[in-house]
């Protein structure tokens, strides 16, 4: 599968995960491909067992990600993110956009979820804003401190915070889905590069470059 094919497949899987009643026309618009190509990729994903198609009234279809589809979506997201300097440039721009929005909303005490390269970029960007990073959550690390910021294994052990930024690169969608059940989606932000479905409007950092 070429890079372009991977990106289209990821876009299709993202669209289906975000809205099971999404139309082929909407998928084509969101992904930036022709309607016929969207139809072809949906059929390809169904044939591979990544999505399940069910006919609903009014001659429409509902699309559901299968467990294999969720796994493939996570794999493609990781591949998309592993692009060296391009990743750094985009991530920095989108983190800055998130912090600017948080500052305007009065969400100045933030937690990062995931001690990753993305978290390191976020820490650097936060210094330019009236933002305090009160903790980094990562259950897998043995560190208790990163750049003067406390590192906690569990969200419940973090100090009081106004908002949370997902910086998990392993499975950011799963992290979002789990955290949303605990604090609601209105407090959650994430760089758009993570391609998380279901975020509240205006909570995905856009590329400012």
C-alpha atoms as a PDB file:
ATOM      1  CA  UNK A   1       0.000   0.000   0.000  1.00  0.00           C
ATOM      2  CA  UNK A   2       1.436   3.385  -1.008  1.00  0.00           C
ATOM      3  CA  UNK A   3       1.550   6.385   1.362  1.00  0.00           C
ATOM      4  CA  UNK A   4      -1.372   7.971  -0.494  1.00  0.00           C
ATOM      5  CA  UNK A   5      -3.435   4.787  -0.234  1.00  0.00           C
ATOM      6  CA  UNK A   6      -2.662   4.577   3.490  1.00  0.00           C
ATOM      7  CA  UNK A   7      -3.744   8.180   4.029  1.00  0.00           C
ATOM      8  CA  UNK A   8      -7.004   7.639   2.121  1.00  0.00           C
ATOM      9  CA  UNK A   9      -7.735   4.431   4.024  1.00  0.00           C
ATOM     10  CA  UNK A  10      -7.063   6.202   7.324  1.00  0.00           C
ATOM     11  CA  UNK A  11      -9.350   9.054   6.297  1.00  0.00           C
ATOM     12  CA  UNK A  12     -12.146   6.619   5.439  1.00  0.00           C
ATOM     13  CA  UNK A  13     -11.765   4.729   8.724  1.00  0.00           C
ATOM     14  CA  UNK A  14     -11.745   8.008  10.665  1.00  0.00           C
ATOM     15  CA  UNK A  15     -14.928   9.157   8.934  1.00  0.00           C
ATOM     16  CA  UNK A  16     -16.714   5.880   9.667  1.00  0.00           C
ATOM     17  CA  UNK A  17     -15.611   5.891  13.300  1.00  0.00           C
ATOM     18  CA  UNK A  18     -16.817   9.449  13.798  1.00  0.00           C
ATOM     19  CA  UNK A  19     -20.253   8.890  12.238  1.00  0.00           C
ATOM     20  CA  UNK A  20     -21.631   5.446  11.423  1.00  0.00           C
ATOM     21  CA  UNK A  21     -24.321   7.070   9.250  1.00  0.00           C
ATOM     22  CA  UNK A  22     -21.824   9.080   7.221  1.00  0.00           C
ATOM     23  CA  UNK A  23     -22.572   9.217   3.515  1.00  0.00           C
ATOM     24  CA  UNK A  24     -20.152   8.337   0.760  1.00  0.00           C
ATOM     25  CA  UNK A  25     -20.412  11.910  -0.475  1.00  0.00           C
ATOM     26  CA  UNK A  26     -19.402  13.219   2.961  1.00  0.00           C
ATOM     27  CA  UNK A  27     -16.475  10.793   3.110  1.00  0.00           C
ATOM     28  CA  UNK A  28     -15.322  11.933  -0.321  1.00  0.00           C
ATOM     29  CA  UNK A  29     -15.516  15.574   0.787  1.00  0.00           C
ATOM     30  CA  UNK A  30     -13.734  15.020   4.107  1.00  0.00           C
ATOM     31  CA  UNK A  31     -10.935  12.914   2.617  1.00  0.00           C
ATOM     32  CA  UNK A  32     -10.619  15.029  -0.528  1.00  0.00           C
ATOM     33  CA  UNK A  33     -11.235  12.297  -3.080  1.00  0.00           C
ATOM     34  CA  UNK A  34     -13.759  11.618  -5.838  1.00  0.00           C
ATOM     35  CA  UNK A  35     -17.081  10.018  -4.910  1.00  0.00           C
ATOM     36  CA  UNK A  36     -16.289   6.907  -6.960  1.00  0.00           C
ATOM     37  CA  UNK A  37     -12.975   6.497  -5.160  1.00  0.00           C
ATOM     38  CA  UNK A  38     -14.684   6.796  -1.768  1.00  0.00           C
ATOM     39  CA  UNK A  39     -17.054   4.010  -2.811  1.00  0.00           C
ATOM     40  CA  UNK A  40     -14.113   1.871  -3.946  1.00  0.00           C
ATOM     41  CA  UNK A  41     -12.254   2.324  -0.657  1.00  0.00           C
ATOM     42  CA  UNK A  42     -15.353   1.515   1.381  1.00  0.00           C
ATOM     43  CA  UNK A  43     -15.763  -1.719  -0.571  1.00  0.00           C
ATOM     44  CA  UNK A  44     -12.056  -2.488  -0.131  1.00  0.00           C
ATOM     45  CA  UNK A  45     -12.243  -1.883   3.618  1.00  0.00           C
ATOM     46  CA  UNK A  46     -15.326  -4.074   3.871  1.00  0.00           C
ATOM     47  CA  UNK A  47     -13.641  -6.859   1.903  1.00  0.00           C
ATOM     48  CA  UNK A  48     -10.636  -6.703   4.255  1.00  0.00           C
ATOM     49  CA  UNK A  49     -12.933  -6.949   7.275  1.00  0.00           C
ATOM     50  CA  UNK A  50     -12.138  -3.425   8.510  1.00  0.00           C
ATOM     51  CA  UNK A  51     -15.720  -2.186   8.344  1.00  0.00           C
ATOM     52  CA  UNK A  52     -19.146  -3.779   8.437  1.00  0.00           C
ATOM     53  CA  UNK A  53     -21.854  -2.447   6.130  1.00  0.00           C
ATOM     54  CA  UNK A  54     -25.527  -2.624   7.060  1.00  0.00           C
ATOM     55  CA  UNK A  55     -28.430  -1.407   4.954  1.00  0.00           C
ATOM     56  CA  UNK A  56     -30.879   0.873   6.737  1.00  0.00           C
ATOM     57  CA  UNK A  57     -34.245   2.322   5.617  1.00  0.00           C
ATOM     58  CA  UNK A  58     -34.480   4.750   2.704  1.00  0.00           C
ATOM     59  CA  UNK A  59     -31.850   2.801   0.743  1.00  0.00           C
ATOM     60  CA  UNK A  60     -29.022   4.083   2.909  1.00  0.00           C
ATOM     61  CA  UNK A  61     -26.167   2.323   4.597  1.00  0.00           C
ATOM     62  CA  UNK A  62     -24.583   2.373   8.035  1.00  0.00           C
ATOM     63  CA  UNK A  63     -20.879   1.620   8.410  1.00  0.00           C
ATOM     64  CA  UNK A  64     -19.246   0.209  11.538  1.00  0.00           C
ATOM     65  CA  UNK A  65     -15.579  -0.260  12.355  1.00  0.00           C
ATOM     66  CA  UNK A  66     -14.784  -3.851  13.264  1.00  0.00           C
ATOM     67  CA  UNK A  67     -12.167  -4.688  15.921  1.00  0.00           C
ATOM     68  CA  UNK A  68      -9.779  -5.302  13.038  1.00  0.00           C
ATOM     69  CA  UNK A  69     -10.722  -1.883  11.676  1.00  0.00           C
ATOM     70  CA  UNK A  70      -9.919  -0.192  14.989  1.00  0.00           C
ATOM     71  CA  UNK A  71      -6.543  -1.938  15.065  1.00  0.00           C
ATOM     72  CA  UNK A  72      -5.761  -0.935  11.481  1.00  0.00           C
ATOM     73  CA  UNK A  73      -6.808   2.667  12.189  1.00  0.00           C
ATOM     74  CA  UNK A  74      -4.355   2.792  15.106  1.00  0.00           C
ATOM     75  CA  UNK A  75      -1.561   1.266  13.007  1.00  0.00           C
ATOM     76  CA  UNK A  76      -2.092   3.702  10.138  1.00  0.00           C
ATOM     77  CA  UNK A  77      -2.168   6.621  12.585  1.00  0.00           C
ATOM     78  CA  UNK A  78       1.201   5.565  14.026  1.00  0.00           C
ATOM     79  CA  UNK A  79       2.652   5.274  10.512  1.00  0.00           C
ATOM     80  CA  UNK A  80       1.280   8.695   9.625  1.00  0.00           C
ATOM     81  CA  UNK A  81       2.932  10.235  12.658  1.00  0.00           C
ATOM     82  CA  UNK A  82       6.388   8.744  12.041  1.00  0.00           C
ATOM     83  CA  UNK A  83       7.523  11.332   9.536  1.00  0.00           C
ATOM     84  CA  UNK A  84      10.434  13.047  11.265  1.00  0.00           C
ATOM     85  CA  UNK A  85      10.749  16.773  10.739  1.00  0.00           C
ATOM     86  CA  UNK A  86       7.340  17.096   9.117  1.00  0.00           C
ATOM     87  CA  UNK A  87       5.807  15.661  12.281  1.00  0.00           C
ATOM     88  CA  UNK A  88       7.727  18.137  14.477  1.00  0.00           C
ATOM     89  CA  UNK A  89       6.708  21.143  12.382  1.00  0.00           C
ATOM     90  CA  UNK A  90       3.025  20.205  12.239  1.00  0.00           C
ATOM     91  CA  UNK A  91       2.848  19.110  15.885  1.00  0.00           C
ATOM     92  CA  UNK A  92       4.451  22.335  17.103  1.00  0.00           C
ATOM     93  CA  UNK A  93       2.025  24.454  15.114  1.00  0.00           C
ATOM     94  CA  UNK A  94      -1.000  22.509  16.318  1.00  0.00           C
ATOM     95  CA  UNK A  95       0.131  22.513  19.964  1.00  0.00           C
ATOM     96  CA  UNK A  96       0.493  26.287  19.806  1.00  0.00           C
ATOM     97  CA  UNK A  97      -3.029  26.536  18.417  1.00  0.00           C
ATOM     98  CA  UNK A  98      -4.378  24.392  21.274  1.00  0.00           C
ATOM     99  CA  UNK A  99      -2.644  26.485  23.932  1.00  0.00           C
ATOM    100  CA  UNK A 100      -3.894  29.696  22.348  1.00  0.00           C
ATOM    101  CA  UNK A 101      -7.475  28.357  22.421  1.00  0.00           C
ATOM    102  CA  UNK A 102      -7.093  27.110  26.011  1.00  0.00           C
ATOM    103  CA  UNK A 103      -5.772  30.487  27.109  1.00  0.00           C
ATOM    104  CA  UNK A 104      -8.768  32.214  25.519  1.00  0.00           C
ATOM    105  CA  UNK A 105     -11.152  29.769  27.231  1.00  0.00           C
ATOM    106  CA  UNK A 106      -9.530  30.326  30.618  1.00  0.00           C
ATOM    107  CA  UNK A 107      -8.227  26.761  30.720  1.00  0.00           C
ATOM    108  CA  UNK A 108      -4.755  27.601  31.972  1.00  0.00           C
ATOM    109  CA  UNK A 109      -3.985  24.559  34.166  1.00  0.00           C
ATOM    110  CA  UNK A 110      -3.470  21.683  31.767  1.00  0.00           C
ATOM    111  CA  UNK A 111      -2.516  18.026  31.936  1.00  0.00           C
ATOM    112  CA  UNK A 112      -0.762  16.160  29.129  1.00  0.00           C
ATOM    113  CA  UNK A 113      -1.740  12.533  28.583  1.00  0.00           C
ATOM    114  CA  UNK A 114       1.202  10.526  27.251  1.00  0.00           C
ATOM    115  CA  UNK A 115       4.914  11.127  27.859  1.00  0.00           C
ATOM    116  CA  UNK A 116       5.984  11.028  24.218  1.00  0.00           C
ATOM    117  CA  UNK A 117       7.840  13.084  21.628  1.00  0.00           C
ATOM    118  CA  UNK A 118       4.583  14.992  21.182  1.00  0.00           C
ATOM    119  CA  UNK A 119       4.519  15.807  24.896  1.00  0.00           C
ATOM    120  CA  UNK A 120       8.066  17.161  24.639  1.00  0.00           C
ATOM    121  CA  UNK A 121       6.968  19.457  21.808  1.00  0.00           C
ATOM    122  CA  UNK A 122       3.948  20.557  23.846  1.00  0.00           C
ATOM    123  CA  UNK A 123       6.138  21.398  26.849  1.00  0.00           C
ATOM    124  CA  UNK A 124       8.320  23.606  24.667  1.00  0.00           C
ATOM    125  CA  UNK A 125       5.297  25.371  23.167  1.00  0.00           C
ATOM    126  CA  UNK A 126       3.548  25.964  26.507  1.00  0.00           C
ATOM    127  CA  UNK A 127       6.358  28.276  27.608  1.00  0.00           C
ATOM    128  CA  UNK A 128       5.092  30.885  25.127  1.00  0.00           C
ATOM    129  CA  UNK A 129       1.623  31.059  26.683  1.00  0.00           C
ATOM    130  CA  UNK A 130      -0.041  31.792  29.999  1.00  0.00           C
ATOM    131  CA  UNK A 131      -0.355  28.047  30.506  1.00  0.00           C
ATOM    132  CA  UNK A 132       0.726  25.883  33.439  1.00  0.00           C
ATOM    133  CA  UNK A 133       1.325  22.204  32.760  1.00  0.00           C
ATOM    134  CA  UNK A 134       0.457  20.694  36.133  1.00  0.00           C
ATOM    135  CA  UNK A 135       1.121  17.032  35.281  1.00  0.00           C
ATOM    136  CA  UNK A 136       1.893  14.491  32.599  1.00  0.00           C
ATOM    137  CA  UNK A 137      -0.061  11.232  32.767  1.00  0.00           C
ATOM    138  CA  UNK A 138       1.649   8.071  31.581  1.00  0.00           C
ATOM    139  CA  UNK A 139       1.028   4.656  33.163  1.00  0.00           C
ATOM    140  CA  UNK A 140       4.022   3.094  31.402  1.00  0.00           C
ATOM    141  CA  UNK A 141       6.839   5.377  32.550  1.00  0.00           C
ATOM    142  CA  UNK A 142       8.968   5.077  35.674  1.00  0.00           C
ATOM    143  CA  UNK A 143       9.722   8.805  35.725  1.00  0.00           C
ATOM    144  CA  UNK A 144       8.242  10.983  38.455  1.00  0.00           C
ATOM    145  CA  UNK A 145       9.268  14.271  36.871  1.00  0.00           C
ATOM    146  CA  UNK A 146       9.862  15.630  33.378  1.00  0.00           C
ATOM    147  CA  UNK A 147      11.290  19.106  32.874  1.00  0.00           C
ATOM    148  CA  UNK A 148       9.970  20.132  36.278  1.00  0.00           C
ATOM    149  CA  UNK A 149       6.478  18.750  35.589  1.00  0.00           C
ATOM    150  CA  UNK A 150       5.169  15.927  37.822  1.00  0.00           C
ATOM    151  CA  UNK A 151       4.591  12.633  36.019  1.00  0.00           C
ATOM    152  CA  UNK A 152       1.697  10.500  37.297  1.00  0.00           C
ATOM    153  CA  UNK A 153       0.667   6.980  36.420  1.00  0.00           C
ATOM    154  CA  UNK A 154      -3.045   7.742  36.804  1.00  0.00           C
ATOM    155  CA  UNK A 155      -5.229  10.721  36.008  1.00  0.00           C
ATOM    156  CA  UNK A 156      -6.742  10.624  39.501  1.00  0.00           C
ATOM    157  CA  UNK A 157      -3.326  11.407  40.994  1.00  0.00           C
ATOM    158  CA  UNK A 158      -2.936  14.632  39.030  1.00  0.00           C
ATOM    159  CA  UNK A 159      -3.495  18.048  40.676  1.00  0.00           C
ATOM    160  CA  UNK A 160      -6.658  19.989  39.830  1.00  0.00           C
ATOM    161  CA  UNK A 161      -6.709  20.936  36.155  1.00  0.00           C
ATOM    162  CA  UNK A 162      -8.870  22.877  33.689  1.00  0.00           C
ATOM    163  CA  UNK A 163      -8.160  20.841  30.595  1.00  0.00           C
ATOM    164  CA  UNK A 164      -6.295  17.858  29.196  1.00  0.00           C
ATOM    165  CA  UNK A 165      -4.236  17.568  26.006  1.00  0.00           C
ATOM    166  CA  UNK A 166      -3.773  14.123  24.510  1.00  0.00           C
ATOM    167  CA  UNK A 167      -0.139  13.536  23.561  1.00  0.00           C
ATOM    168  CA  UNK A 168      -0.382   9.737  23.392  1.00  0.00           C
ATOM    169  CA  UNK A 169       1.154   8.337  20.195  1.00  0.00           C
ATOM    170  CA  UNK A 170       0.445   4.657  20.861  1.00  0.00           C
ATOM    171  CA  UNK A 171      -3.347   4.675  20.615  1.00  0.00           C
ATOM    172  CA  UNK A 172      -4.643   8.241  20.953  1.00  0.00           C
ATOM    173  CA  UNK A 173      -8.201   7.291  19.966  1.00  0.00           C
ATOM    174  CA  UNK A 174      -8.437   4.728  22.755  1.00  0.00           C
ATOM    175  CA  UNK A 175      -6.984   7.238  25.212  1.00  0.00           C
ATOM    176  CA  UNK A 176      -9.607   9.796  24.189  1.00  0.00           C
ATOM    177  CA  UNK A 177     -12.479   7.308  24.381  1.00  0.00           C
ATOM    178  CA  UNK A 178     -11.465   6.264  27.900  1.00  0.00           C
ATOM    179  CA  UNK A 179     -10.778   9.766  29.236  1.00  0.00           C
ATOM    180  CA  UNK A 180     -14.011  11.144  27.793  1.00  0.00           C
ATOM    181  CA  UNK A 181     -16.003   8.763  30.004  1.00  0.00           C
ATOM    182  CA  UNK A 182     -14.275  10.179  33.069  1.00  0.00           C
ATOM    183  CA  UNK A 183     -14.066  13.943  32.499  1.00  0.00           C
ATOM    184  CA  UNK A 184     -16.278  14.620  29.476  1.00  0.00           C
ATOM    185  CA  UNK A 185     -15.059  15.743  26.078  1.00  0.00           C
ATOM    186  CA  UNK A 186     -15.310  19.496  26.678  1.00  0.00           C
ATOM    187  CA  UNK A 187     -12.079  19.480  28.688  1.00  0.00           C
ATOM    188  CA  UNK A 188     -10.142  17.390  26.179  1.00  0.00           C
ATOM    189  CA  UNK A 189      -7.932  18.770  23.424  1.00  0.00           C
ATOM    190  CA  UNK A 190      -5.637  17.060  20.933  1.00  0.00           C
ATOM    191  CA  UNK A 191      -3.469  18.012  17.958  1.00  0.00           C
ATOM    192  CA  UNK A 192      -5.331  17.344  14.733  1.00  0.00           C
ATOM    193  CA  UNK A 193      -2.397  15.261  13.548  1.00  0.00           C
ATOM    194  CA  UNK A 194      -3.586  12.496  15.920  1.00  0.00           C
ATOM    195  CA  UNK A 195      -6.801  12.205  13.897  1.00  0.00           C
ATOM    196  CA  UNK A 196      -9.034  11.578  16.896  1.00  0.00           C
ATOM    197  CA  UNK A 197     -12.731  11.185  16.161  1.00  0.00           C
ATOM    198  CA  UNK A 198     -15.358  12.633  18.480  1.00  0.00           C
ATOM    199  CA  UNK A 199     -13.564  15.682  19.872  1.00  0.00           C
ATOM    200  CA  UNK A 200     -15.669  18.709  20.745  1.00  0.00           C
ATOM    201  CA  UNK A 201     -15.784  21.461  18.129  1.00  0.00           C
ATOM    202  CA  UNK A 202     -12.742  23.708  18.297  1.00  0.00           C
ATOM    203  CA  UNK A 203     -10.725  21.312  20.464  1.00  0.00           C
ATOM    204  CA  UNK A 204      -8.457  19.963  17.729  1.00  0.00           C
ATOM    205  CA  UNK A 205      -5.329  22.001  17.165  1.00  0.00           C
ATOM    206  CA  UNK A 206      -5.161  23.214  13.581  1.00  0.00           C
ATOM    207  CA  UNK A 207      -1.945  23.770  11.666  1.00  0.00           C
ATOM    208  CA  UNK A 208      -1.074  27.457  12.047  1.00  0.00           C
ATOM    209  CA  UNK A 209       1.630  27.439   9.376  1.00  0.00           C
END
